[in-house]
């Protein structure tokens, strides 16, 4: 009895802590200890709702604690929810979600995804993307290549890198891993003729590109010759190109426009702001050899609003851009240092986001040089008033020209390539 009274007194002294009802078994009987009284009552316990945790209580169950040394966050294998009564209830995750999480954590170790179902592959890509696996330097590239090799344009069908030169510099290999792109916007990136990405445009992986925007990229005739060589010589590369924007490249002259005549499937072309000398002659040449008509009004195909990044990797490209922007933030603190270097006659170059510098005055001076293909293909046919004999004369001339061309192909076929073209082909 003294022991029970001491326990009751102790519980009474700490009554400010709401420990709930306490039961004591004595001589085979169960007794409840009241906090307000100092004795023990032989009363059967009353059932009343008891909350072990408060409503705002949350718990996280961590598994595989051996990875704490690497400080890698592991997802829990249970889902905790509250019932209407306020009780905490937990349920195990599905086996599919557990396996999906495990594979996404080790996505860089996948050997191949060829033949794997697209629906599950999309969920796997999203899970790896949420864990930012594709932003890692080496493993991210290896994992991204497995998806692009298996699913092509599903991973990314359209890529907009307009005014994102830093992203191209940091993630060039990742960008080159994309396959079967149909739209590529590289406007205002100042790439130049010798950039590795422009060389990649001639590869078979990007032969599906139909819309290519290269506005304000410091291109010249040499860059166009290099970019069109596979199409002119081997009938490969950008042979399916439909829309091409080369505006605001003042180093492109009449010679460079001649290289573009190999794109027979072009529907829209923009060469505004280029260094053309004889504009009228270029307009006639484009109309005669490609069938494109000079537009007097700006075309909607070149307003850059339709080109967006679309595909599974849309958020991945945004993660790359955010990582690059966060990396260049500390450079704002180097202004005093750059001022000191300038004072001592030294320069310190800091790469910034390149913007299009073509002013409205320059655009008006150069004029609108946008071309499109008319829907009516028979607009240049002879009129009905012409005599039927004129048709026969034209047909005879066509036959004679065809025979001459056949004779030339057998003798002078090897002379159709210039020495520069052969040197260029040897570099591939």
Protein backbone atom coordinates (compact mmCIF):
# COMPACT_ATOMS: atom_id res chain seq x y z
CA UNK A 1 0.00 0.00 0.00
CA UNK A 2 2.82 2.44 0.82
CA UNK A 3 4.34 1.76 -2.59
CA UNK A 4 1.09 2.47 -4.38
CA UNK A 5 0.53 5.63 -2.34
CA UNK A 6 4.00 6.87 -3.24
CA UNK A 7 3.33 6.23 -6.92
CA UNK A 8 0.01 8.05 -6.65
CA UNK A 9 1.70 10.99 -4.95
CA UNK A 10 4.36 11.11 -7.60
CA UNK A 11 1.79 11.09 -10.36
CA UNK A 12 -0.17 13.77 -8.52
CA UNK A 13 2.90 16.00 -8.22
CA UNK A 14 3.53 15.76 -11.94
CA UNK A 15 -0.08 16.28 -12.90
CA UNK A 16 0.89 19.06 -15.28
CA UNK A 17 2.07 16.36 -17.69
CA UNK A 18 -0.97 14.81 -19.34
CA UNK A 19 0.18 11.21 -19.43
CA UNK A 20 -3.35 9.80 -19.68
CA UNK A 21 -4.80 6.98 -17.57
CA UNK A 22 -2.37 4.55 -15.87
CA UNK A 23 -3.34 0.98 -14.95
CA UNK A 24 -1.77 -1.11 -12.18
CA UNK A 25 -2.23 -4.87 -11.78
CA UNK A 26 -2.24 -6.03 -8.12
CA UNK A 27 -3.17 -9.48 -6.84
CA UNK A 28 -4.53 -10.46 -10.23
CA UNK A 29 -6.82 -7.41 -10.48
CA UNK A 30 -6.49 -4.32 -12.71
CA UNK A 31 -6.77 -0.95 -10.99
CA UNK A 32 -6.80 2.55 -12.47
CA UNK A 33 -4.89 5.36 -10.78
CA UNK A 34 -6.70 8.73 -10.76
CA UNK A 35 -4.51 11.79 -11.05
CA UNK A 36 -6.80 13.94 -8.85
CA UNK A 37 -6.97 11.43 -5.97
CA UNK A 38 -4.19 10.01 -3.82
CA UNK A 39 -5.55 6.50 -3.62
CA UNK A 40 -6.27 3.62 -5.88
CA UNK A 41 -9.80 2.91 -7.03
CA UNK A 42 -11.00 -0.52 -7.99
CA UNK A 43 -12.95 0.79 -10.90
CA UNK A 44 -13.09 -0.76 -14.30
CA UNK A 45 -11.37 1.46 -16.86
CA UNK A 46 -13.64 3.67 -18.90
CA UNK A 47 -13.08 3.66 -22.63
CA UNK A 48 -12.51 7.17 -23.88
CA UNK A 49 -10.70 8.38 -26.99
CA UNK A 50 -7.05 8.88 -26.43
CA UNK A 51 -4.73 10.62 -28.90
CA UNK A 52 -1.15 9.44 -28.77
CA UNK A 53 0.06 12.24 -31.07
CA UNK A 54 -1.24 15.75 -31.62
CA UNK A 55 -2.89 16.73 -34.87
CA UNK A 56 0.17 18.60 -36.09
CA UNK A 57 2.52 15.72 -35.37
CA UNK A 58 4.48 14.31 -38.32
CA UNK A 59 6.98 11.49 -38.55
CA UNK A 60 9.44 10.38 -41.23
CA UNK A 61 10.63 6.82 -41.46
CA UNK A 62 14.16 6.70 -42.91
CA UNK A 63 15.52 3.51 -44.41
CA UNK A 64 19.04 2.48 -45.32
CA UNK A 65 20.81 4.68 -42.83
CA UNK A 66 24.16 3.39 -44.01
CA UNK A 67 24.05 6.00 -46.79
CA UNK A 68 24.13 8.90 -44.34
CA UNK A 69 27.83 9.32 -44.95
CA UNK A 70 27.11 10.41 -48.50
CA UNK A 71 24.27 12.64 -47.21
CA UNK A 72 21.87 11.28 -49.74
CA UNK A 73 18.20 11.68 -48.95
CA UNK A 74 16.31 8.45 -49.18
CA UNK A 75 12.59 8.30 -49.72
CA UNK A 76 10.60 6.49 -47.07
CA UNK A 77 8.82 3.26 -47.87
CA UNK A 78 5.63 4.19 -46.02
CA UNK A 79 2.88 6.73 -46.47
CA UNK A 80 1.51 8.37 -43.30
CA UNK A 81 -2.01 9.78 -43.23
CA UNK A 82 -4.50 10.99 -40.63
CA UNK A 83 -7.98 9.54 -40.29
CA UNK A 84 -11.10 11.58 -39.61
CA UNK A 85 -10.83 10.73 -35.92
CA UNK A 86 -7.32 12.19 -35.80
CA UNK A 87 -5.49 8.88 -35.57
CA UNK A 88 -2.22 8.36 -37.39
CA UNK A 89 -2.31 5.61 -39.97
CA UNK A 90 0.50 4.38 -42.18
CA UNK A 91 0.46 2.18 -45.24
CA UNK A 92 3.24 0.68 -47.31
CA UNK A 93 4.00 2.03 -50.76
CA UNK A 94 3.28 -0.11 -53.78
CA UNK A 95 5.98 -2.36 -55.12
CA UNK A 96 5.92 -0.47 -58.43
CA UNK A 97 6.68 2.87 -56.76
CA UNK A 98 9.46 1.32 -54.67
CA UNK A 99 11.10 -0.26 -57.73
CA UNK A 100 10.62 2.94 -59.74
CA UNK A 101 12.36 4.95 -57.03
CA UNK A 102 15.21 2.49 -56.77
CA UNK A 103 15.83 2.43 -60.54
CA UNK A 104 15.64 6.21 -60.80
CA UNK A 105 18.27 6.50 -58.05
CA UNK A 106 20.55 4.25 -60.13
CA UNK A 107 19.41 5.31 -63.60
CA UNK A 108 22.98 5.80 -64.81
CA UNK A 109 23.61 2.05 -64.44
CA UNK A 110 20.95 1.05 -66.99
CA UNK A 111 22.42 -0.85 -69.92
CA UNK A 112 19.67 -0.24 -72.48
CA UNK A 113 16.02 0.82 -72.72
CA UNK A 114 15.39 -0.28 -76.28
CA UNK A 115 12.10 -2.19 -76.41
CA UNK A 116 11.03 -1.00 -72.96
CA UNK A 117 7.38 0.23 -72.76
CA UNK A 118 7.06 3.98 -73.37
CA UNK A 119 4.47 4.53 -70.62
CA UNK A 120 6.72 3.15 -67.89
CA UNK A 121 9.80 4.80 -69.40
CA UNK A 122 8.12 8.21 -69.18
CA UNK A 123 7.41 7.67 -65.46
CA UNK A 124 10.97 6.53 -64.93
CA UNK A 125 12.29 9.62 -66.70
CA UNK A 126 10.06 11.88 -64.58
CA UNK A 127 11.23 10.19 -61.37
CA UNK A 128 14.89 10.61 -62.34
CA UNK A 129 14.21 14.19 -63.41
CA UNK A 130 12.64 14.97 -60.03
CA UNK A 131 15.82 13.71 -58.37
CA UNK A 132 17.84 15.94 -60.78
CA UNK A 133 19.80 12.97 -62.05
CA UNK A 134 20.29 14.54 -65.49
CA UNK A 135 22.06 17.59 -64.07
CA UNK A 136 25.01 15.56 -62.79
CA UNK A 137 28.15 16.03 -64.92
CA UNK A 138 29.03 12.47 -66.02
CA UNK A 139 26.28 10.16 -64.85
CA UNK A 140 23.57 12.53 -66.08
CA UNK A 141 24.88 12.43 -69.65
CA UNK A 142 25.14 8.64 -69.60
CA UNK A 143 21.58 8.27 -68.32
CA UNK A 144 20.20 10.80 -70.82
CA UNK A 145 21.82 8.97 -73.73
CA UNK A 146 20.03 5.74 -72.78
CA UNK A 147 16.66 7.48 -73.08
CA UNK A 148 17.44 9.35 -76.31
CA UNK A 149 18.73 6.21 -78.01
CA UNK A 150 15.54 4.32 -77.22
CA UNK A 151 12.80 6.95 -77.56
CA UNK A 152 14.18 9.72 -79.79
CA UNK A 153 11.73 12.58 -80.26
CA UNK A 154 9.63 11.48 -77.27
CA UNK A 155 12.40 12.71 -75.00
CA UNK A 156 12.56 16.00 -76.89
CA UNK A 157 11.02 16.97 -80.22
CA UNK A 158 11.56 20.73 -80.05
CA UNK A 159 14.44 22.59 -78.38
CA UNK A 160 14.54 26.36 -77.86
CA UNK A 161 17.97 27.69 -76.82
CA UNK A 162 17.35 31.26 -77.89
CA UNK A 163 19.70 33.64 -76.08
CA UNK A 164 21.16 30.79 -73.97
CA UNK A 165 24.81 30.63 -74.95
CA UNK A 166 25.91 29.68 -71.43
CA UNK A 167 23.61 26.65 -71.40
CA UNK A 168 25.07 25.53 -74.73
CA UNK A 169 28.61 25.91 -73.39
CA UNK A 170 27.96 23.99 -70.17
CA UNK A 171 25.70 21.26 -71.55
CA UNK A 172 26.97 20.84 -75.09
CA UNK A 173 27.37 17.05 -74.91
CA UNK A 174 23.90 16.66 -73.42
CA UNK A 175 22.40 18.81 -76.17
CA UNK A 176 24.21 16.76 -78.82
CA UNK A 177 22.69 13.58 -77.38
CA UNK A 178 19.15 14.59 -78.43
CA UNK A 179 17.94 12.73 -81.49
CA UNK A 180 15.17 13.24 -84.04
CA UNK A 181 14.57 16.91 -83.23
CA UNK A 182 12.11 18.63 -85.55
CA UNK A 183 12.61 22.21 -84.34
CA UNK A 184 15.84 23.84 -83.12
CA UNK A 185 16.12 27.52 -82.15
CA UNK A 186 19.68 28.79 -81.68
CA UNK A 187 18.97 32.46 -82.22
CA UNK A 188 21.11 35.20 -80.64
CA UNK A 189 23.81 32.82 -79.38
CA UNK A 190 26.82 34.18 -81.32
CA UNK A 191 28.07 30.69 -82.13
CA UNK A 192 30.19 31.57 -85.15
CA UNK A 193 31.28 29.33 -88.03
CA UNK A 194 33.55 27.01 -86.08
CA UNK A 195 31.26 26.05 -83.21
CA UNK A 196 30.95 22.35 -82.49
CA UNK A 197 27.16 22.49 -82.33
CA UNK A 198 26.92 23.81 -85.90
CA UNK A 199 29.10 20.93 -87.04
CA UNK A 200 26.75 18.56 -85.23
CA UNK A 201 23.86 19.89 -87.35
CA UNK A 202 25.27 18.05 -90.34
CA UNK A 203 25.16 14.67 -88.59
CA UNK A 204 22.56 12.03 -89.28
CA UNK A 205 21.11 12.35 -85.76
CA UNK A 206 19.64 15.76 -86.70
CA UNK A 207 18.54 14.94 -90.22
CA UNK A 208 14.94 15.17 -89.01
CA UNK A 209 15.18 18.92 -88.26
CA UNK A 210 12.53 20.79 -90.23
CA UNK A 211 12.72 24.18 -88.54
CA UNK A 212 16.14 25.75 -87.90
CA UNK A 213 16.54 29.28 -86.54
CA UNK A 214 20.07 30.70 -86.65
CA UNK A 215 19.36 34.39 -86.28
CA UNK A 216 22.26 36.60 -85.11
CA UNK A 217 24.94 33.93 -84.82
CA UNK A 218 27.90 35.65 -86.52
CA UNK A 219 27.70 33.26 -89.48
CA UNK A 220 29.53 33.84 -92.76
CA UNK A 221 29.73 32.19 -96.17
CA UNK A 222 32.26 29.67 -94.84
CA UNK A 223 29.82 28.51 -92.16
CA UNK A 224 27.03 28.04 -94.71
CA UNK A 225 29.35 26.11 -97.02
CA UNK A 226 30.29 23.81 -94.19
CA UNK A 227 26.69 23.35 -93.05
CA UNK A 228 25.31 22.59 -96.52
CA UNK A 229 28.16 20.37 -97.80
CA UNK A 230 26.50 17.03 -96.85
CA UNK A 231 23.27 18.09 -98.56
CA UNK A 232 24.96 19.38 -101.71
CA UNK A 233 27.31 16.44 -102.13
CA UNK A 234 25.96 13.40 -100.30
CA UNK A 235 22.24 14.26 -100.16
CA UNK A 236 22.36 13.86 -96.38
CA UNK A 237 22.18 16.10 -93.35
CA UNK A 238 19.54 18.85 -93.31
CA UNK A 239 17.81 17.56 -96.42
CA UNK A 240 14.34 17.76 -94.79
CA UNK A 241 14.65 21.42 -93.79
CA UNK A 242 11.46 23.44 -94.34
CA UNK A 243 12.03 26.69 -92.41
CA UNK A 244 15.42 28.43 -92.17
CA UNK A 245 16.19 31.74 -90.45
CA UNK A 246 19.58 33.32 -91.20
CA UNK A 247 18.68 36.92 -90.46
CA UNK A 248 21.00 39.39 -88.69
CA UNK A 249 24.16 37.71 -89.98
CA UNK A 250 25.87 40.55 -91.88
CA UNK A 251 28.83 38.39 -92.97
CA UNK A 252 26.62 36.30 -95.27
CA UNK A 253 26.95 37.53 -98.86
CA UNK A 254 25.61 36.55 -102.28
CA UNK A 255 28.07 33.64 -102.38
CA UNK A 256 26.66 32.14 -99.19
CA UNK A 257 23.09 32.35 -100.51
CA UNK A 258 24.20 30.15 -103.40
CA UNK A 259 24.90 27.33 -100.95
CA UNK A 260 21.31 27.49 -99.71
CA UNK A 261 19.94 26.57 -103.11
CA UNK A 262 20.58 22.91 -102.29
CA UNK A 263 17.65 22.97 -99.81
CA UNK A 264 14.99 22.04 -102.34
CA UNK A 265 12.29 21.43 -99.70
CA UNK A 266 12.44 24.90 -98.17
CA UNK A 267 9.09 26.57 -97.65
CA UNK A 268 10.23 29.67 -95.74
CA UNK A 269 13.56 31.53 -95.73
CA UNK A 270 14.65 34.68 -93.91
CA UNK A 271 17.88 36.43 -94.95
CA UNK A 272 17.07 39.90 -93.62
CA UNK A 273 20.02 41.82 -92.23
CA UNK A 274 22.63 39.96 -94.28
CA UNK A 275 25.44 41.52 -96.34
CA UNK A 276 23.94 41.06 -99.80
CA UNK A 277 25.34 43.22 -102.58
CA UNK A 278 22.87 42.61 -105.41
CA UNK A 279 19.55 42.06 -103.66
CA UNK A 280 17.45 41.91 -106.83
CA UNK A 281 19.66 39.26 -108.37
CA UNK A 282 19.47 37.15 -105.20
CA UNK A 283 15.67 37.44 -105.12
CA UNK A 284 15.39 36.27 -108.73
CA UNK A 285 17.83 33.44 -108.13
CA UNK A 286 15.93 32.14 -105.11
CA UNK A 287 12.64 32.34 -107.00
CA UNK A 288 13.94 30.55 -110.06
CA UNK A 289 15.91 27.74 -108.40
CA UNK A 290 13.96 27.05 -105.19
CA UNK A 291 10.55 28.47 -106.08
CA UNK A 292 10.32 30.87 -103.12
CA UNK A 293 8.52 34.19 -103.51
CA UNK A 294 9.66 37.39 -101.81
CA UNK A 295 7.19 38.43 -99.11
CA UNK A 296 6.36 42.10 -98.68
CA UNK A 297 5.05 41.60 -95.14
CA UNK A 298 6.74 39.79 -92.20
CA UNK A 299 5.90 36.11 -91.97
CA UNK A 300 4.57 34.46 -88.83
CA UNK A 301 7.03 31.60 -89.19
CA UNK A 302 9.87 33.89 -88.03
CA UNK A 303 8.33 35.55 -84.97
CA UNK A 304 9.93 32.87 -82.70
CA UNK A 305 6.71 32.38 -80.73
CA UNK A 306 5.99 28.92 -82.09
CA UNK A 307 9.37 27.48 -81.12
CA UNK A 308 9.28 26.04 -77.60
CA UNK A 309 10.98 23.23 -75.75
CA UNK A 310 8.64 20.23 -75.84
CA UNK A 311 9.12 16.65 -74.65
CA UNK A 312 9.95 14.63 -71.56
CA UNK A 313 13.13 16.65 -71.00
CA UNK A 314 11.42 20.05 -70.88
CA UNK A 315 12.00 20.40 -67.14
CA UNK A 316 15.54 19.05 -67.54
CA UNK A 317 16.48 21.96 -69.82
CA UNK A 318 15.01 24.37 -67.25
CA UNK A 319 17.11 22.72 -64.53
CA UNK A 320 20.22 23.24 -66.67
CA UNK A 321 19.39 26.90 -67.11
CA UNK A 322 18.76 27.42 -63.39
CA UNK A 323 22.04 25.71 -62.52
CA UNK A 324 23.94 27.95 -64.94
CA UNK A 325 22.29 31.09 -63.61
CA UNK A 326 23.09 30.13 -60.03
CA UNK A 327 26.69 29.45 -60.98
CA UNK A 328 27.23 32.94 -62.42
CA UNK A 329 25.63 34.80 -59.50
CA UNK A 330 28.87 35.07 -57.47
CA UNK A 331 30.45 36.94 -60.37
CA UNK A 332 28.51 40.05 -59.34
CA UNK A 333 30.93 40.44 -56.43
CA UNK A 334 33.89 40.76 -58.81
CA UNK A 335 33.02 44.27 -60.03
CA UNK A 336 35.64 45.93 -57.84
CA UNK A 337 38.24 43.46 -59.06
CA UNK A 338 37.42 44.10 -62.70
CA UNK A 339 37.60 47.85 -62.07
CA UNK A 340 41.10 47.41 -60.65
CA UNK A 341 42.17 45.34 -63.64
CA UNK A 342 40.92 47.99 -66.02
CA UNK A 343 42.80 50.63 -64.03
CA UNK A 344 46.05 48.77 -64.55
CA UNK A 345 45.36 48.29 -68.23
CA UNK A 346 44.19 44.68 -67.95
CA UNK A 347 40.87 43.26 -69.03
CA UNK A 348 38.82 40.56 -67.41
CA UNK A 349 36.18 38.94 -69.55
CA UNK A 350 33.00 37.77 -67.88
CA UNK A 351 30.55 35.87 -70.06
CA UNK A 352 27.08 37.30 -69.94
CA UNK A 353 23.84 36.41 -71.63
CA UNK A 354 24.16 37.42 -75.27
CA UNK A 355 21.32 39.50 -76.64
CA UNK A 356 20.35 40.40 -80.18
CA UNK A 357 21.90 43.77 -80.93
CA UNK A 358 20.22 44.48 -84.24
CA UNK A 359 18.44 47.83 -83.85
CA UNK A 360 15.25 48.86 -85.58
CA UNK A 361 17.16 51.28 -87.79
CA UNK A 362 19.42 48.50 -89.09
CA UNK A 363 16.45 46.25 -89.70
CA UNK A 364 14.68 48.92 -91.72
CA UNK A 365 17.82 49.72 -93.68
CA UNK A 366 18.40 46.09 -94.63
CA UNK A 367 14.77 45.60 -95.60
CA UNK A 368 12.53 42.60 -95.25
CA UNK A 369 14.01 39.65 -97.11
CA UNK A 370 11.65 36.83 -96.19
CA UNK A 371 10.59 34.24 -98.74
CA UNK A 372 7.79 31.72 -98.86
CA UNK A 373 6.54 29.06 -101.26
CA UNK A 374 3.24 29.74 -102.91
CA UNK A 375 0.53 27.15 -102.62
CA UNK A 376 -0.41 27.50 -106.29
CA UNK A 377 2.24 25.62 -108.23
CA UNK A 378 0.85 26.35 -111.71
CA UNK A 379 1.06 30.13 -111.54
CA UNK A 380 3.98 30.32 -114.01
CA UNK A 381 2.46 28.12 -116.70
CA UNK A 382 1.83 29.66 -120.14
CA UNK A 383 -1.46 31.44 -120.77
CA UNK A 384 -4.36 29.84 -122.70
CA UNK A 385 -4.04 32.36 -125.58
CA UNK A 386 -0.75 30.85 -126.71
CA UNK A 387 -0.79 28.66 -129.77
CA UNK A 388 -0.54 24.91 -129.33
CA UNK A 389 2.60 24.95 -131.47
CA UNK A 390 4.43 26.89 -128.78
CA UNK A 391 3.86 24.00 -126.38
CA UNK A 392 5.47 21.62 -128.84
CA UNK A 393 8.49 23.91 -129.21
CA UNK A 394 8.94 24.06 -125.47
CA UNK A 395 8.65 20.30 -125.17
CA UNK A 396 11.29 19.84 -127.87
CA UNK A 397 13.62 22.23 -126.03
CA UNK A 398 13.11 20.32 -122.78
CA UNK A 399 13.93 17.04 -124.51
CA UNK A 400 17.11 18.50 -126.00
CA UNK A 401 18.19 19.85 -122.63
CA UNK A 402 17.50 16.49 -121.00
CA UNK A 403 19.69 14.72 -123.55
CA UNK A 404 22.48 17.22 -122.99
CA UNK A 405 22.29 16.73 -119.23
CA UNK A 406 22.48 12.94 -119.65
CA UNK A 407 25.63 13.31 -121.70
CA UNK A 408 27.17 15.59 -119.11
CA UNK A 409 26.47 13.25 -116.23
CA UNK A 410 28.47 10.45 -117.83
CA UNK A 411 31.52 12.61 -118.62
CA UNK A 412 31.57 15.55 -116.21
CA UNK A 413 29.99 14.09 -113.13
CA UNK A 414 33.32 14.08 -111.34
CA UNK A 415 33.77 17.80 -112.08
CA UNK A 416 30.63 19.01 -110.29
CA UNK A 417 32.49 19.30 -106.97
CA UNK A 418 34.91 22.08 -106.26
CA UNK A 419 38.25 21.50 -104.59
CA UNK A 420 36.97 23.21 -101.45
CA UNK A 421 34.05 20.79 -101.29
CA UNK A 422 36.35 17.78 -101.48
CA UNK A 423 38.59 19.21 -98.76
CA UNK A 424 35.55 19.81 -96.64
CA UNK A 425 34.24 16.28 -97.11
CA UNK A 426 37.59 14.84 -96.09
CA UNK A 427 37.23 16.51 -92.70
CA UNK A 428 34.14 14.43 -91.83
